[in-house]
Each structure stands twice: as C-alpha cells, then as structure tokens.
C-alpha cells in the first residue's frame, strides 16, 4: 500500500497525545483499532501523572534502551511514554527526557534550550524575559553549523551521563556570546558601556 494509506487506517494522521504548557493539561485521544475513528478524548492535568523509569529488554534478554512511562495516579490504563517522542539509549537519556518534560510544563521556568523551541521562545513570557536577561540570541541554534551542533550535542550527552553517574555538577552552560553576529557584539558592548557610565 502507498505510505499514506496505512497511516489513515492505523491513525497515524491523527494526533494521539498533546502536552500543553499553556493549560498544564495532557490530552489523549483514543481511537478504534484499525479504523482510526476517534472514540473518546481524555483530558487530565499533567501533575496527576507519575513517572516510571523502564529498562527495555529484547526477547533475547539484551538491553534495548529505556523508556519513561507516565501513568495516571488513579488509573494505569491512562498512560503514555517516551517511545515515539524520544530515542532514549541510556538511563541518563531517560532522566534528561523527564527533566525536559518537567521544565517544559513548568511555566515559572523558561522553555528548555532546544532547537525544537527556537522559533517559539519569544511567544512564552517567562522564556522571553529569561532570554533577555542572559543575552540569548534569537537564532542561537539556527546560526550554528552542523559541526557546532554535533559538538554541542556531544557536550550535552557527556554532561547528562556524568549527572546520571552521580556527579554533582553546576547547571549546563550555553555560550551565547559565540553565536552573536559582529553587529550584535558591538551593540552589546555599547549597551554595557552605557550602563557602566
């Protein structure tokens, strides 16, 4: 069958879950198997979900990665996991995903600094205020070359593994100065000079 046909039959073109920072709610759509017809919609506060760390094992007994499962406190039938949202290869990845999800849902904290949120950071008031305070360029990730993104990803992965191994580390530092254009650097120096005077 052509690729779109199975998606229509098995519900691939319809949403399954939505985690909303604005409302603090998780929306789960349930569908009739095979037909993909919407059966019911469940809307529950994110705060009512309990996270479980799950080590995936293949039928041969080898490790196949990790999953973070969020089950509702009153019904385990209402749950969702990281599978399909993130590829968690290690315990550290799983813990980082849980931290990412919590920070995304906490409106008192800025959005996690990820390429996923690059184009919407200015729409969130908390994030906009934070970015102004720390001097984060609006196109921090977009200005990076592939080599720079790979290097930053490797640094973050090593940081996550060190945290997962129990090291007590300061918060991860982003080098925003490195991604400023020469014009922005001059503006920043001028603004700093005026504030010092």
Foldseek 3Di string as FASTA:
>chain_A
DPVVVQCQQAVVVPDAWDQDLVVQKIKGWDADGRRNHTDDIDIGHPVQWDWDKAFDADPVGHTDFIKIKTAGNVDNVPIDICVVPDGGHDPLSRVVVVVLSVQSNDLQHQHPPDPVCLVPSCVRVNSVVVCVVVVADSCQPVQDDPVVVVVVVVVVVVVSVCVVVPDDDDDDDDDRVVSDDPVVVVVVVVVVVVVVD
